[in-house]
């Protein structure tokens, strides 16, 4: 099997899995219980949170554990928006569905502005400067795009927003955290989110990390747990797995990045030599994890599902667009925003790699796509 869908999910690291089983079996008590076992579990919870913040260099932030980035984005976005009856919210046309669909639901109450992307796949900071105002309450911009791999200029966004203290910045860091080193200070971001299963931990866990003092209006009632934002009893083993996943991916970040960048360029150059392959991902400002392509054959673009199932026959697994919306028969929004080509966006195929990916696997993929062109010409 050749797995090239790491942007959708990663295999669980063996050490993290062993840690999960150990904590699940020994620290199963509710952390709110007053007995000794509950208090031991609570101490572990507090220690894990401090370790995550220390690893990421965030002395003035706090952690809210969620079921993943989707829930974390919802808590952060609605947490700010529901405090207001109007105002302006700024986002982009290429956000993950967990942000994009929240924004659509807020359009009846707020002036929601969607920033476009340029040929390099990034927003125009000058456009942000034009639309931001003292009426802006929230800006939500993804750090690394989950479809084409481009890196948004968060450092410049932070600079612009310093003149608008009312507006809070939420950064979906799911495809960036633990994979690339930010050129901005995470401590300057009001809120950011990620999912543990993107960094070799188990599914069902993620975080909203926010600055202390930022008030969010909770929309799930039940208790005052987790800074009065996310009621309910969580799985301490998942929390522990998240802490260990962050620690491991940050410790190995530079070596893994160097490896994946070299492999990405090998993949990029190999696919560029196939005349039927049209590369959608811009090479500039790229994280070197996701490469998006479309196949053009017999004078038209080939539907992404066709390519996906063709590769499946060779036990090669890629994806079409965001894993959270890939089952919907619609154009890939990010590729459409980038290329302005409807047919090309319907043909979008995402190849995402990891430090676990081998050169031999990339060769097999390249040969399979070259063979596709030869067979179906």
Protein backbone atom coordinates (compact mmCIF):
# COMPACT_ATOMS: atom_id res chain seq x y z
CA UNK A 1 0.00 0.00 0.00
CA UNK A 2 1.18 3.51 -0.85
CA UNK A 3 -0.53 6.09 1.35
CA UNK A 4 -0.30 9.66 0.04
CA UNK A 5 -3.13 11.28 1.99
CA UNK A 6 -1.31 12.55 5.06
CA UNK A 7 -3.14 15.90 4.97
CA UNK A 8 -6.35 13.99 5.70
CA UNK A 9 -4.94 11.90 8.53
CA UNK A 10 -1.72 10.30 9.72
CA UNK A 11 -1.02 6.87 11.20
CA UNK A 12 -0.74 6.87 14.98
CA UNK A 13 2.85 6.89 16.20
CA UNK A 14 3.64 3.71 18.17
CA UNK A 15 4.94 5.59 21.21
CA UNK A 16 1.87 7.83 21.24
CA UNK A 17 -0.44 4.81 20.95
CA UNK A 18 1.34 3.05 23.85
CA UNK A 19 1.06 6.23 25.90
CA UNK A 20 -2.67 6.44 25.12
CA UNK A 21 -3.27 2.86 26.31
CA UNK A 22 -1.23 3.42 29.48
CA UNK A 23 -3.08 6.61 30.47
CA UNK A 24 -6.48 5.14 29.54
CA UNK A 25 -5.91 2.15 31.83
CA UNK A 26 -4.35 3.96 34.80
CA UNK A 27 -5.85 7.47 34.84
CA UNK A 28 -9.49 6.80 34.01
CA UNK A 29 -10.98 8.87 36.82
CA UNK A 30 -12.86 12.11 36.12
CA UNK A 31 -10.51 15.02 36.74
CA UNK A 32 -13.28 16.88 38.61
CA UNK A 33 -13.60 14.08 41.20
CA UNK A 34 -12.38 15.05 44.67
CA UNK A 35 -10.86 11.67 45.52
CA UNK A 36 -7.14 10.99 45.12
CA UNK A 37 -7.40 9.21 41.75
CA UNK A 38 -9.41 12.10 40.32
CA UNK A 39 -6.87 14.60 41.63
CA UNK A 40 -3.97 12.62 40.17
CA UNK A 41 -5.74 12.72 36.81
CA UNK A 42 -6.32 16.44 37.20
CA UNK A 43 -2.64 17.03 37.98
CA UNK A 44 -1.69 15.17 34.80
CA UNK A 45 -4.15 17.28 32.81
CA UNK A 46 -2.71 20.52 34.18
CA UNK A 47 0.86 19.37 33.55
CA UNK A 48 0.13 18.37 29.95
CA UNK A 49 -1.39 21.78 29.25
CA UNK A 50 1.63 23.56 30.67
CA UNK A 51 3.98 21.36 28.65
CA UNK A 52 2.13 22.14 25.40
CA UNK A 53 2.24 25.88 26.08
CA UNK A 54 5.92 25.71 27.03
CA UNK A 55 6.81 23.69 23.93
CA UNK A 56 5.04 26.21 21.69
CA UNK A 57 6.38 29.24 23.61
CA UNK A 58 3.02 30.54 24.79
CA UNK A 59 3.23 31.80 28.39
CA UNK A 60 0.12 33.98 28.04
CA UNK A 61 -2.20 31.46 26.38
CA UNK A 62 -4.51 28.71 27.60
CA UNK A 63 -5.59 25.39 26.08
CA UNK A 64 -9.11 24.16 25.44
CA UNK A 65 -9.21 20.51 24.36
CA UNK A 66 -11.77 19.61 21.71
CA UNK A 67 -12.70 16.72 19.45
CA UNK A 68 -10.55 18.28 16.71
CA UNK A 69 -9.93 21.47 14.75
CA UNK A 70 -13.49 21.55 13.40
CA UNK A 71 -14.96 21.90 16.87
CA UNK A 72 -12.13 24.22 17.92
CA UNK A 73 -12.81 26.54 14.97
CA UNK A 74 -16.50 26.60 15.82
CA UNK A 75 -15.88 27.40 19.48
CA UNK A 76 -13.48 30.23 18.60
CA UNK A 77 -15.49 31.78 15.77
CA UNK A 78 -18.91 31.60 17.39
CA UNK A 79 -17.33 32.51 20.71
CA UNK A 80 -16.38 35.93 19.32
CA UNK A 81 -19.28 36.46 16.91
CA UNK A 82 -22.04 35.67 19.41
CA UNK A 83 -20.87 38.53 21.61
CA UNK A 84 -21.92 41.02 18.93
CA UNK A 85 -25.09 41.88 17.05
CA UNK A 86 -23.26 43.28 14.04
CA UNK A 87 -19.95 44.38 12.60
CA UNK A 88 -17.45 43.12 10.03
CA UNK A 89 -15.78 39.72 9.85
CA UNK A 90 -12.91 39.05 7.44
CA UNK A 91 -11.87 35.66 6.13
CA UNK A 92 -10.68 34.16 2.83
CA UNK A 93 -12.22 32.24 -0.06
CA UNK A 94 -10.00 29.25 0.64
CA UNK A 95 -10.73 28.28 4.24
CA UNK A 96 -11.46 24.79 5.52
CA UNK A 97 -15.20 23.95 5.60
CA UNK A 98 -15.21 24.24 9.41
CA UNK A 99 -14.47 27.94 8.95
CA UNK A 100 -16.18 28.57 5.61
CA UNK A 101 -19.52 27.16 6.71
CA UNK A 102 -19.46 29.10 9.98
CA UNK A 103 -18.88 32.26 7.96
CA UNK A 104 -21.82 31.47 5.70
CA UNK A 105 -24.05 31.05 8.74
CA UNK A 106 -22.97 34.48 10.05
CA UNK A 107 -23.71 36.39 6.85
CA UNK A 108 -27.23 37.29 8.00
CA UNK A 109 -25.87 39.08 11.07
CA UNK A 110 -22.50 40.40 9.96
CA UNK A 111 -20.77 41.93 6.98
CA UNK A 112 -18.57 38.95 6.06
CA UNK A 113 -15.76 39.82 3.64
CA UNK A 114 -13.98 37.05 1.73
CA UNK A 115 -10.43 37.88 0.65
CA UNK A 116 -9.37 36.45 -2.70
CA UNK A 117 -6.01 34.80 -3.41
CA UNK A 118 -3.49 35.70 -6.11
CA UNK A 119 -1.61 33.46 -8.55
CA UNK A 120 0.73 32.40 -5.73
CA UNK A 121 -2.24 31.18 -3.70
CA UNK A 122 -1.99 33.81 -0.99
CA UNK A 123 -4.06 36.80 0.05
CA UNK A 124 -3.18 40.38 -0.87
CA UNK A 125 -2.26 42.26 2.30
CA UNK A 126 -3.18 45.52 0.62
CA UNK A 127 -6.72 44.22 0.17
CA UNK A 128 -6.84 43.38 3.89
CA UNK A 129 -5.72 46.92 4.71
CA UNK A 130 -8.53 48.32 2.58
CA UNK A 131 -11.35 46.30 4.14
CA UNK A 132 -10.34 46.16 7.81
CA UNK A 133 -11.82 48.88 10.01
CA UNK A 134 -12.65 49.75 13.60
CA UNK A 135 -15.93 47.91 12.98
CA UNK A 136 -14.05 44.61 12.42
CA UNK A 137 -14.55 42.12 15.23
CA UNK A 138 -12.90 39.01 13.81
CA UNK A 139 -10.36 37.90 11.20
CA UNK A 140 -9.99 34.20 10.37
CA UNK A 141 -7.17 33.15 8.04
CA UNK A 142 -5.73 29.68 7.60
CA UNK A 143 -1.97 29.39 8.04
CA UNK A 144 -1.25 26.53 5.60
CA UNK A 145 -3.85 25.63 3.01
CA UNK A 146 -5.14 22.08 3.25
CA UNK A 147 -5.70 21.68 -0.50
CA UNK A 148 -2.75 23.32 -2.28
CA UNK A 149 -0.25 23.70 0.57
CA UNK A 150 0.33 27.46 0.31
CA UNK A 151 1.41 29.48 3.34
CA UNK A 152 -0.53 32.63 4.14
CA UNK A 153 1.40 35.74 5.31
CA UNK A 154 0.21 35.58 8.92
CA UNK A 155 3.12 37.75 10.07
CA UNK A 156 1.86 40.60 7.85
CA UNK A 157 -1.74 40.02 8.97
CA UNK A 158 -0.64 40.41 12.60
CA UNK A 159 1.09 43.69 11.76
CA UNK A 160 -2.03 45.08 10.08
CA UNK A 161 -4.24 44.06 13.00
CA UNK A 162 -2.12 45.79 15.63
CA UNK A 163 -3.96 49.01 14.73
CA UNK A 164 -7.33 47.34 15.31
CA UNK A 165 -7.27 45.89 18.84
CA UNK A 166 -11.02 45.15 18.84
CA UNK A 167 -10.57 42.58 16.06
CA UNK A 168 -9.41 39.12 17.13
CA UNK A 169 -7.38 36.81 14.89
CA UNK A 170 -8.13 33.11 14.59
CA UNK A 171 -5.61 31.01 12.67
CA UNK A 172 -6.44 27.48 11.60
CA UNK A 173 -2.99 25.94 12.10
CA UNK A 174 -4.00 22.35 11.38
CA UNK A 175 -1.75 21.84 8.34
CA UNK A 176 1.11 23.93 9.70
CA UNK A 177 1.68 22.99 13.32
CA UNK A 178 4.54 20.52 13.66
CA UNK A 179 5.23 20.55 9.91
CA UNK A 180 6.76 23.95 9.20
CA UNK A 181 8.38 26.52 11.44
CA UNK A 182 6.32 29.73 11.52
CA UNK A 183 7.90 33.00 10.42
CA UNK A 184 5.63 34.73 12.94
CA UNK A 185 5.37 34.55 16.71
CA UNK A 186 2.59 32.18 17.73
CA UNK A 187 2.24 34.25 20.90
CA UNK A 188 0.95 37.15 18.77
CA UNK A 189 -2.01 35.10 17.53
CA UNK A 190 -5.22 35.54 19.55
CA UNK A 191 -6.52 32.03 18.81
CA UNK A 192 -5.29 29.07 16.80
CA UNK A 193 -6.52 25.54 16.27
CA UNK A 194 -5.25 22.11 15.25
CA UNK A 195 -6.15 18.40 15.21
CA UNK A 196 -4.03 15.73 16.86
CA UNK A 197 -4.60 13.14 14.13
CA UNK A 198 -2.73 15.36 11.67
CA UNK A 199 0.47 14.97 13.74
CA UNK A 200 0.53 11.19 14.29
CA UNK A 201 -1.84 11.11 17.24
CA UNK A 202 -5.30 9.54 17.56
CA UNK A 203 -8.49 10.93 16.08
CA UNK A 204 -11.07 12.68 18.22
CA UNK A 205 -8.72 15.20 19.79
CA UNK A 206 -7.56 18.73 19.04
CA UNK A 207 -7.08 22.13 20.59
CA UNK A 208 -8.19 25.71 20.61
CA UNK A 209 -5.32 27.70 22.08
CA UNK A 210 -6.18 31.29 22.96
CA UNK A 211 -4.71 34.27 24.72
CA UNK A 212 -5.66 34.66 28.36
CA UNK A 213 -8.21 37.42 28.79
CA UNK A 214 -9.99 36.89 25.47
CA UNK A 215 -13.61 36.35 26.36
CA UNK A 216 -15.51 33.82 24.29
CA UNK A 217 -19.24 33.26 24.63
CA UNK A 218 -19.80 29.53 25.05
CA UNK A 219 -22.60 27.88 23.13
CA UNK A 220 -22.57 24.44 24.79
CA UNK A 221 -24.03 24.48 28.29
CA UNK A 222 -23.40 21.96 31.04
CA UNK A 223 -20.55 23.01 33.33
CA UNK A 224 -17.73 25.50 33.79
CA UNK A 225 -15.06 23.08 32.60
CA UNK A 226 -12.14 24.10 30.40
CA UNK A 227 -12.19 27.83 31.08
CA UNK A 228 -15.99 27.72 30.95
CA UNK A 229 -15.91 27.02 27.21
CA UNK A 230 -16.21 23.28 26.61
CA UNK A 231 -18.37 21.41 29.13
CA UNK A 232 -18.26 17.66 29.44
CA UNK A 233 -15.87 14.96 30.57
CA UNK A 234 -13.00 14.54 28.15
CA UNK A 235 -10.68 11.59 27.60
CA UNK A 236 -7.46 12.29 29.50
CA UNK A 237 -5.66 9.71 27.34
CA UNK A 238 -6.48 11.80 24.25
CA UNK A 239 -5.21 14.93 26.01
CA UNK A 240 -2.00 13.11 26.92
CA UNK A 241 -1.64 11.90 23.32
CA UNK A 242 -2.00 15.47 22.09
CA UNK A 243 0.72 16.65 24.45
CA UNK A 244 3.12 13.92 23.36
CA UNK A 245 2.31 14.46 19.68
CA UNK A 246 3.14 18.17 19.98
CA UNK A 247 6.36 17.41 21.81
CA UNK A 248 7.53 14.84 19.26
CA UNK A 249 6.62 16.75 16.12
CA UNK A 250 8.24 19.96 17.36
CA UNK A 251 11.41 18.11 18.38
CA UNK A 252 11.73 16.61 14.88
CA UNK A 253 10.31 19.52 12.90
CA UNK A 254 13.47 20.69 11.13
CA UNK A 255 14.70 17.26 10.03
CA UNK A 256 11.24 16.19 8.87
CA UNK A 257 10.76 19.45 6.98
CA UNK A 258 14.12 19.09 5.21
CA UNK A 259 13.25 15.55 4.14
CA UNK A 260 9.73 16.31 2.92
CA UNK A 261 10.87 19.41 1.02
CA UNK A 262 13.44 17.37 -0.92
CA UNK A 263 10.87 14.66 -1.60
CA UNK A 264 8.27 17.22 -2.63
CA UNK A 265 10.61 18.73 -5.21
CA UNK A 266 11.39 15.25 -6.53
CA UNK A 267 7.64 14.64 -6.88
CA UNK A 268 7.05 18.08 -8.40
CA UNK A 269 9.76 17.63 -11.03
CA UNK A 270 8.63 14.10 -11.83
CA UNK A 271 5.01 15.10 -12.39
CA UNK A 272 6.07 18.16 -14.38
CA UNK A 273 7.57 15.80 -16.97
CA UNK A 274 4.17 14.22 -17.68
CA UNK A 275 2.30 16.23 -20.29
CA UNK A 276 -1.14 15.13 -19.03
CA UNK A 277 -0.44 16.47 -15.52
CA UNK A 278 -1.35 20.08 -14.74
CA UNK A 279 0.09 21.21 -11.40
CA UNK A 280 -2.26 23.43 -9.40
CA UNK A 281 -0.13 24.08 -6.32
CA UNK A 282 2.07 27.19 -6.65
CA UNK A 283 5.70 26.45 -5.84
CA UNK A 284 6.26 29.80 -4.14
CA UNK A 285 5.15 30.17 -0.50
CA UNK A 286 4.53 26.42 -0.24
CA UNK A 287 4.76 24.19 2.82
CA UNK A 288 5.99 21.21 0.73
CA UNK A 289 3.40 18.83 2.13
CA UNK A 290 0.49 19.06 -0.33
CA UNK A 291 0.77 18.93 -4.10
CA UNK A 292 -2.47 19.46 -6.01
CA UNK A 293 -2.78 18.39 -9.65
CA UNK A 294 -5.36 17.95 -12.39
CA UNK A 295 -5.14 15.50 -15.29
CA UNK A 296 -5.82 16.85 -18.79
CA UNK A 297 -6.44 14.18 -21.39
CA UNK A 298 -8.12 14.00 -24.82
CA UNK A 299 -8.77 17.73 -24.78
CA UNK A 300 -10.52 17.85 -21.42
CA UNK A 301 -9.86 17.56 -17.71
CA UNK A 302 -10.42 14.15 -16.14
CA UNK A 303 -12.79 14.09 -13.14
CA UNK A 304 -10.87 13.70 -9.90
CA UNK A 305 -12.82 10.59 -8.88
CA UNK A 306 -11.68 8.84 -12.05
CA UNK A 307 -8.02 9.46 -11.25
CA UNK A 308 -8.48 8.50 -7.60
CA UNK A 309 -10.02 5.12 -8.48
CA UNK A 310 -7.44 4.49 -11.21
CA UNK A 311 -4.65 4.92 -8.64
CA UNK A 312 -6.53 2.74 -6.16
CA UNK A 313 -6.13 -0.14 -8.60
CA UNK A 314 -2.38 0.11 -7.95
CA UNK A 315 -2.95 0.36 -4.18
CA UNK A 316 -2.06 4.09 -4.23
CA UNK A 317 -4.22 6.32 -2.07
CA UNK A 318 -4.61 10.05 -2.66
CA UNK A 319 -7.58 12.37 -2.09
CA UNK A 320 -9.76 14.88 -3.87
CA UNK A 321 -9.91 18.25 -2.14
CA UNK A 322 -10.54 18.61 1.57
CA UNK A 323 -11.16 15.33 3.37
CA UNK A 324 -14.14 16.97 5.08
CA UNK A 325 -15.94 17.70 1.80
CA UNK A 326 -14.49 15.25 -0.73
CA UNK A 327 -17.68 13.19 -1.01
CA UNK A 328 -19.62 16.17 -2.33
CA UNK A 329 -19.92 16.51 -6.11
CA UNK A 330 -18.79 20.09 -6.41
CA UNK A 331 -15.72 21.97 -7.64
CA UNK A 332 -12.77 22.23 -5.29
CA UNK A 333 -13.17 25.77 -3.93
CA UNK A 334 -9.48 26.50 -3.37
CA UNK A 335 -8.42 25.34 -6.85
CA UNK A 336 -11.31 27.31 -8.36
CA UNK A 337 -10.26 30.46 -6.47
CA UNK A 338 -6.67 29.94 -7.64
CA UNK A 339 -7.22 29.01 -11.30
CA UNK A 340 -10.68 30.49 -12.04
CA UNK A 341 -11.21 27.29 -14.09
CA UNK A 342 -14.31 25.25 -13.19
CA UNK A 343 -13.31 22.11 -15.11
CA UNK A 344 -9.83 22.15 -13.65
CA UNK A 345 -11.25 22.45 -10.12
CA UNK A 346 -13.53 19.44 -10.69
CA UNK A 347 -10.41 17.50 -11.68
CA UNK A 348 -8.34 18.46 -8.63
CA UNK A 349 -6.40 15.64 -6.94
CA UNK A 350 -4.41 16.16 -3.74
CA UNK A 351 -1.19 14.28 -3.06
CA UNK A 352 0.07 14.81 0.48
CA UNK A 353 3.35 13.43 1.77
CA UNK A 354 5.13 12.91 5.07
CA UNK A 355 8.52 12.05 6.52
CA UNK A 356 7.22 8.47 6.30
CA UNK A 357 6.88 8.69 2.51
CA UNK A 358 9.68 7.08 0.50
CA UNK A 359 11.25 7.97 -2.83
CA UNK A 360 10.25 4.54 -4.12
CA UNK A 361 6.60 5.30 -3.36
CA UNK A 362 6.87 8.57 -5.26
CA UNK A 363 8.42 6.75 -8.23
CA UNK A 364 5.51 4.30 -8.24
CA UNK A 365 3.00 7.17 -8.26
CA UNK A 366 4.82 9.00 -11.07
CA UNK A 367 4.99 5.84 -13.16
CA UNK A 368 1.30 5.12 -12.58
CA UNK A 369 0.30 8.62 -13.75
CA UNK A 370 2.64 8.40 -16.75
CA UNK A 371 1.10 5.05 -17.62
CA UNK A 372 -2.37 6.60 -17.31
CA UNK A 373 -1.44 9.13 -19.97
CA UNK A 374 -0.13 6.40 -22.27
CA UNK A 375 -3.21 4.17 -21.84
CA UNK A 376 -5.91 6.78 -22.22
CA UNK A 377 -4.48 9.01 -24.94
